[in-house]
Amino acid sequence: MSTDPSGQRPVTSPIDTGDGHSGTTKFGANPSIADAYADVLIVLSPRQRRGLIAQLAICFYEGWRPGRSEVTDLVAVKKGILSIDECEQRRVLRNNGHDVADIDVITTR
């Protein structure tokens, strides 16, 4: 278990495990690729969330390190806000140095 910068108390964060129970993740002990995106992933159903986390994990081991905007775009695809083609176009633009406006999936539930 990790501790806060003062070394005084454990650092934990509440998470929705997707099975009707809430749990905690201990940053530093068993981090998940999804920890940094919990606020974005919350708009997905438990099944969609588990699927996207699995996709992120597989891609992580293949060398892909997604940024927040890329994960948000994938959530937008799952929610029907973006098509796969639009998501891909946005990825290409980002990779070519263009500014791409972020999508706010949290308020477009």
N, C-alpha and C. Protein backbone atom coordinates (compact mmCIF):
# COMPACT_ATOMS: atom_id res chain seq x y z
N MET A 1 0.85 -1.18 0.00
CA MET A 1 0.00 0.00 0.00
C MET A 1 0.89 1.23 0.00
N SER A 2 0.57 2.21 -0.81
CA SER A 2 1.35 3.43 -0.85
C SER A 2 0.83 4.41 0.19
N THR A 3 1.59 5.44 0.46
CA THR A 3 1.18 6.44 1.42
C THR A 3 1.19 7.80 0.77
N ASP A 4 0.52 8.76 1.42
CA ASP A 4 0.52 10.12 0.90
C ASP A 4 1.92 10.71 1.03
N PRO A 5 2.17 11.88 0.43
CA PRO A 5 3.51 12.45 0.45
C PRO A 5 4.07 12.63 1.86
N SER A 6 3.22 12.84 2.86
CA SER A 6 3.72 13.03 4.22
C SER A 6 4.08 11.69 4.85
N GLY A 7 3.69 10.57 4.21
CA GLY A 7 3.97 9.25 4.75
C GLY A 7 3.04 8.86 5.87
N GLN A 8 1.96 9.61 6.05
CA GLN A 8 1.08 9.40 7.19
C GLN A 8 -0.04 8.39 6.98
N ARG A 9 -0.67 8.39 5.81
CA ARG A 9 -1.83 7.53 5.64
C ARG A 9 -1.83 6.88 4.27
N PRO A 10 -2.52 5.72 4.16
CA PRO A 10 -2.59 5.05 2.85
C PRO A 10 -3.34 5.90 1.84
N VAL A 11 -2.96 5.78 0.60
CA VAL A 11 -3.64 6.49 -0.48
C VAL A 11 -4.55 5.50 -1.17
N THR A 12 -5.86 5.73 -1.09
CA THR A 12 -6.82 4.89 -1.77
C THR A 12 -7.79 5.77 -2.52
N SER A 13 -8.46 5.19 -3.48
CA SER A 13 -9.42 5.92 -4.27
C SER A 13 -10.64 5.04 -4.48
N PRO A 14 -11.87 5.57 -4.26
CA PRO A 14 -13.04 4.74 -4.49
C PRO A 14 -13.22 4.46 -5.97
N ILE A 15 -13.62 3.24 -6.29
CA ILE A 15 -13.91 2.88 -7.67
C ILE A 15 -15.21 2.11 -7.72
N ASP A 16 -15.85 2.13 -8.86
CA ASP A 16 -17.03 1.32 -9.10
C ASP A 16 -16.55 0.06 -9.81
N THR A 17 -16.71 -1.06 -9.16
CA THR A 17 -16.22 -2.30 -9.73
C THR A 17 -17.11 -2.83 -10.85
N GLY A 18 -18.27 -2.20 -11.04
CA GLY A 18 -19.15 -2.60 -12.12
C GLY A 18 -20.07 -3.74 -11.77
N ASP A 19 -19.95 -4.29 -10.56
CA ASP A 19 -20.79 -5.42 -10.18
C ASP A 19 -21.75 -5.05 -9.05
N GLY A 20 -21.98 -3.74 -8.87
CA GLY A 20 -22.88 -3.29 -7.83
C GLY A 20 -22.18 -3.05 -6.50
N HIS A 21 -20.91 -3.32 -6.44
CA HIS A 21 -20.12 -3.10 -5.23
C HIS A 21 -19.11 -2.01 -5.51
N SER A 22 -18.77 -1.27 -4.50
CA SER A 22 -17.68 -0.33 -4.71
C SER A 22 -16.47 -0.86 -3.99
N GLY A 23 -15.33 -0.53 -4.51
CA GLY A 23 -14.09 -1.00 -3.91
C GLY A 23 -13.10 0.13 -3.85
N THR A 24 -11.88 -0.19 -3.55
CA THR A 24 -10.84 0.82 -3.56
C THR A 24 -9.66 0.28 -4.33
N THR A 25 -8.94 1.17 -4.93
CA THR A 25 -7.69 0.80 -5.57
C THR A 25 -6.58 1.52 -4.82
N LYS A 26 -5.52 0.85 -4.60
CA LYS A 26 -4.39 1.43 -3.89
C LYS A 26 -3.36 1.85 -4.92
N PHE A 27 -3.26 3.16 -5.16
CA PHE A 27 -2.31 3.64 -6.14
C PHE A 27 -0.92 3.20 -5.71
N GLY A 28 -0.20 2.62 -6.63
CA GLY A 28 1.13 2.14 -6.33
C GLY A 28 1.15 0.66 -6.02
N ALA A 29 0.07 0.10 -5.50
CA ALA A 29 0.02 -1.33 -5.16
C ALA A 29 -0.48 -2.13 -6.36
N ASN A 30 -1.68 -1.87 -6.81
CA ASN A 30 -2.27 -2.56 -7.95
C ASN A 30 -2.93 -1.55 -8.88
N PRO A 31 -2.15 -0.67 -9.46
CA PRO A 31 -2.78 0.34 -10.31
C PRO A 31 -3.37 -0.28 -11.56
N SER A 32 -4.39 0.35 -12.07
CA SER A 32 -5.05 -0.07 -13.29
C SER A 32 -4.83 1.00 -14.35
N ILE A 33 -4.78 0.58 -15.59
CA ILE A 33 -4.65 1.54 -16.68
C ILE A 33 -5.82 2.52 -16.69
N ALA A 34 -6.94 2.12 -16.10
CA ALA A 34 -8.14 2.94 -16.12
C ALA A 34 -8.22 3.93 -14.96
N ASP A 35 -7.33 3.84 -13.98
CA ASP A 35 -7.41 4.71 -12.81
C ASP A 35 -7.46 6.19 -13.18
N ALA A 36 -6.65 6.61 -14.12
CA ALA A 36 -6.58 8.02 -14.49
C ALA A 36 -7.82 8.51 -15.24
N TYR A 37 -8.64 7.57 -15.70
CA TYR A 37 -9.80 7.93 -16.52
C TYR A 37 -11.12 7.58 -15.84
N ALA A 38 -11.11 7.32 -14.55
CA ALA A 38 -12.31 6.87 -13.83
C ALA A 38 -13.48 7.83 -14.03
N ASP A 39 -13.22 9.14 -14.03
CA ASP A 39 -14.30 10.11 -14.18
C ASP A 39 -14.92 10.07 -15.57
N VAL A 40 -14.16 9.69 -16.56
CA VAL A 40 -14.68 9.58 -17.93
C VAL A 40 -15.40 8.24 -18.12
N LEU A 41 -14.84 7.18 -17.57
CA LEU A 41 -15.42 5.85 -17.74
C LEU A 41 -16.73 5.67 -17.00
N ILE A 42 -17.00 6.51 -16.01
CA ILE A 42 -18.21 6.37 -15.20
C ILE A 42 -19.49 6.53 -16.03
N VAL A 43 -19.40 7.17 -17.18
CA VAL A 43 -20.60 7.37 -18.01
C VAL A 43 -20.99 6.10 -18.76
N LEU A 44 -20.12 5.10 -18.76
CA LEU A 44 -20.40 3.84 -19.45
C LEU A 44 -21.14 2.87 -18.52
N SER A 45 -21.86 1.95 -19.12
CA SER A 45 -22.47 0.89 -18.33
C SER A 45 -21.35 0.00 -17.79
N PRO A 46 -21.60 -0.77 -16.75
CA PRO A 46 -20.55 -1.66 -16.23
C PRO A 46 -19.96 -2.57 -17.31
N ARG A 47 -20.81 -3.08 -18.18
CA ARG A 47 -20.32 -3.97 -19.25
C ARG A 47 -19.44 -3.22 -20.24
N GLN A 48 -19.89 -2.02 -20.66
CA GLN A 48 -19.09 -1.20 -21.57
C GLN A 48 -17.76 -0.82 -20.92
N ARG A 49 -17.81 -0.48 -19.65
CA ARG A 49 -16.60 -0.08 -18.92
C ARG A 49 -15.59 -1.23 -18.86
N ARG A 50 -16.06 -2.42 -18.51
CA ARG A 50 -15.16 -3.58 -18.46
C ARG A 50 -14.56 -3.86 -19.83
N GLY A 51 -15.37 -3.74 -20.88
CA GLY A 51 -14.87 -3.97 -22.24
C GLY A 51 -13.81 -2.96 -22.64
N LEU A 52 -14.05 -1.70 -22.33
CA LEU A 52 -13.07 -0.67 -22.70
C LEU A 52 -11.79 -0.82 -21.88
N ILE A 53 -11.91 -1.18 -20.61
CA ILE A 53 -10.72 -1.39 -19.79
C ILE A 53 -9.91 -2.56 -20.33
N ALA A 54 -10.60 -3.62 -20.75
CA ALA A 54 -9.89 -4.76 -21.36
C ALA A 54 -9.19 -4.33 -22.64
N GLN A 55 -9.86 -3.53 -23.46
CA GLN A 55 -9.26 -3.03 -24.70
C GLN A 55 -8.03 -2.19 -24.39
N LEU A 56 -8.12 -1.32 -23.40
CA LEU A 56 -6.98 -0.48 -23.02
C LEU A 56 -5.81 -1.33 -22.52
N ALA A 57 -6.12 -2.35 -21.73
CA ALA A 57 -5.07 -3.22 -21.20
C ALA A 57 -4.35 -3.97 -22.32
N ILE A 58 -5.10 -4.51 -23.25
CA ILE A 58 -4.49 -5.23 -24.37
C ILE A 58 -3.61 -4.29 -25.18
N CYS A 59 -4.13 -3.12 -25.49
CA CYS A 59 -3.36 -2.14 -26.28
C CYS A 59 -2.14 -1.65 -25.52
N PHE A 60 -2.25 -1.53 -24.19
CA PHE A 60 -1.12 -1.12 -23.37
C PHE A 60 0.04 -2.09 -23.54
N TYR A 61 -0.26 -3.38 -23.51
CA TYR A 61 0.79 -4.39 -23.65
C TYR A 61 1.33 -4.48 -25.07
N GLU A 62 0.61 -3.88 -26.01
CA GLU A 62 1.11 -3.80 -27.39
C GLU A 62 1.88 -2.50 -27.61
N GLY A 63 2.02 -1.69 -26.56
CA GLY A 63 2.84 -0.48 -26.65
C GLY A 63 2.09 0.83 -26.76
N TRP A 64 0.76 0.79 -26.78
CA TRP A 64 -0.01 2.03 -26.91
C TRP A 64 -0.22 2.64 -25.53
N ARG A 65 0.10 3.91 -25.39
CA ARG A 65 -0.10 4.65 -24.15
C ARG A 65 -1.08 5.78 -24.44
N PRO A 66 -2.37 5.52 -24.26
CA PRO A 66 -3.38 6.52 -24.64
C PRO A 66 -3.36 7.75 -23.74
N GLY A 67 -3.66 8.87 -24.33
CA GLY A 67 -3.85 10.10 -23.57
C GLY A 67 -5.31 10.21 -23.18
N ARG A 68 -5.61 11.16 -22.34
CA ARG A 68 -6.98 11.35 -21.86
C ARG A 68 -7.95 11.61 -23.02
N SER A 69 -7.53 12.42 -23.98
CA SER A 69 -8.43 12.74 -25.10
C SER A 69 -8.70 11.50 -25.95
N GLU A 70 -7.72 10.60 -26.08
CA GLU A 70 -7.95 9.37 -26.84
C GLU A 70 -8.93 8.45 -26.13
N VAL A 71 -8.80 8.36 -24.82
CA VAL A 71 -9.74 7.53 -24.05
C VAL A 71 -11.13 8.15 -24.11
N THR A 72 -11.20 9.46 -24.01
CA THR A 72 -12.49 10.14 -24.11
C THR A 72 -13.14 9.89 -25.46
N ASP A 73 -12.35 9.90 -26.53
CA ASP A 73 -12.89 9.60 -27.86
C ASP A 73 -13.44 8.17 -27.91
N LEU A 74 -12.74 7.22 -27.30
CA LEU A 74 -13.24 5.83 -27.29
C LEU A 74 -14.55 5.73 -26.51
N VAL A 75 -14.64 6.47 -25.41
CA VAL A 75 -15.90 6.50 -24.65
C VAL A 75 -17.00 7.11 -25.51
N ALA A 76 -16.67 8.17 -26.24
CA ALA A 76 -17.66 8.82 -27.12
C ALA A 76 -18.15 7.85 -28.19
N VAL A 77 -17.28 6.98 -28.69
CA VAL A 77 -17.71 5.97 -29.66
C VAL A 77 -18.68 5.00 -28.99
N LYS A 78 -18.35 4.55 -27.79
CA LYS A 78 -19.23 3.61 -27.06
C LYS A 78 -20.59 4.23 -26.79
N LYS A 79 -20.63 5.55 -26.55
CA LYS A 79 -21.88 6.25 -26.26
C LYS A 79 -22.62 6.68 -27.51
N GLY A 80 -22.04 6.46 -28.70
CA GLY A 80 -22.70 6.85 -29.94
C GLY A 80 -22.56 8.32 -30.29
N ILE A 81 -21.65 9.02 -29.63
CA ILE A 81 -21.41 10.43 -29.89
C ILE A 81 -20.51 10.60 -31.11
N LEU A 82 -19.54 9.71 -31.28
CA LEU A 82 -18.64 9.69 -32.43
C LEU A 82 -18.76 8.36 -33.14
N SER A 83 -18.50 8.37 -34.44
CA SER A 83 -18.38 7.11 -35.17
C SER A 83 -16.92 6.64 -35.08
N ILE A 84 -16.69 5.40 -35.43
CA ILE A 84 -15.32 4.86 -35.46
C ILE A 84 -14.48 5.70 -36.42
N ASP A 85 -15.04 6.04 -37.58
CA ASP A 85 -14.30 6.83 -38.57
C ASP A 85 -13.92 8.21 -38.03
N GLU A 86 -14.86 8.86 -37.32
CA GLU A 86 -14.56 10.17 -36.74
C GLU A 86 -13.48 10.05 -35.68
N CYS A 87 -13.53 9.00 -34.89
CA CYS A 87 -12.52 8.75 -33.86
C CYS A 87 -11.14 8.59 -34.51
N GLU A 88 -11.09 7.83 -35.58
CA GLU A 88 -9.83 7.61 -36.30
C GLU A 88 -9.31 8.91 -36.91
N GLN A 89 -10.21 9.72 -37.48
CA GLN A 89 -9.80 11.01 -38.06
C GLN A 89 -9.20 11.91 -36.98
N ARG A 90 -9.81 11.91 -35.81
CA ARG A 90 -9.30 12.72 -34.71
C ARG A 90 -7.92 12.24 -34.25
N ARG A 91 -7.72 10.92 -34.24
CA ARG A 91 -6.42 10.35 -33.86
C ARG A 91 -5.35 10.78 -34.86
N VAL A 92 -5.67 10.69 -36.15
CA VAL A 92 -4.71 11.08 -37.19
C VAL A 92 -4.36 12.56 -37.06
N LEU A 93 -5.36 13.40 -36.86
CA LEU A 93 -5.10 14.84 -36.69
C LEU A 93 -4.19 15.10 -35.50
N ARG A 94 -4.48 14.46 -34.36
CA ARG A 94 -3.63 14.63 -33.17
C ARG A 94 -2.20 14.20 -33.45
N ASN A 95 -2.06 13.04 -34.10
CA ASN A 95 -0.72 12.51 -34.38
C ASN A 95 0.06 13.39 -35.35
N ASN A 96 -0.66 14.21 -36.13
CA ASN A 96 0.00 15.12 -37.07
C ASN A 96 0.15 16.52 -36.49
N GLY A 97 -0.06 16.65 -35.18
CA GLY A 97 0.19 17.92 -34.50
C GLY A 97 -0.93 18.92 -34.50
N HIS A 98 -2.10 18.54 -34.98
CA HIS A 98 -3.24 19.46 -34.99
C HIS A 98 -3.93 19.48 -33.63
N ASP A 99 -4.48 20.64 -33.29
CA ASP A 99 -5.30 20.73 -32.08
C ASP A 99 -6.66 20.17 -32.39
N VAL A 100 -7.12 19.27 -31.54
CA VAL A 100 -8.44 18.66 -31.70
C VAL A 100 -9.23 18.96 -30.44
N ALA A 101 -10.40 19.55 -30.61
CA ALA A 101 -11.23 19.90 -29.46
C ALA A 101 -11.64 18.65 -28.69
N ASP A 102 -11.58 18.74 -27.38
CA ASP A 102 -11.99 17.62 -26.54
C ASP A 102 -13.50 17.49 -26.54
N ILE A 103 -13.96 16.27 -26.38
CA ILE A 103 -15.38 15.99 -26.28
C ILE A 103 -15.72 15.82 -24.82
N ASP A 104 -16.79 16.46 -24.38
CA ASP A 104 -17.20 16.35 -22.98
C ASP A 104 -18.26 15.25 -22.87
N VAL A 105 -17.82 14.02 -22.67
CA VAL A 105 -18.75 12.89 -22.59
C VAL A 105 -19.50 12.88 -21.27
N ILE A 106 -19.00 13.59 -20.28
CA ILE A 106 -19.62 13.57 -18.96
C ILE A 106 -20.94 14.33 -18.98
N THR A 107 -21.01 15.46 -19.67
CA THR A 107 -22.25 16.23 -19.68
C THR A 107 -23.17 15.85 -20.83
N THR A 108 -22.72 14.97 -21.72
CA THR A 108 -23.56 14.55 -22.83
C THR A 108 -24.09 13.14 -22.61
N ARG A 109 -24.35 12.81 -21.35
CA ARG A 109 -24.85 11.47 -21.01
C ARG A 109 -26.12 11.26 -21.70
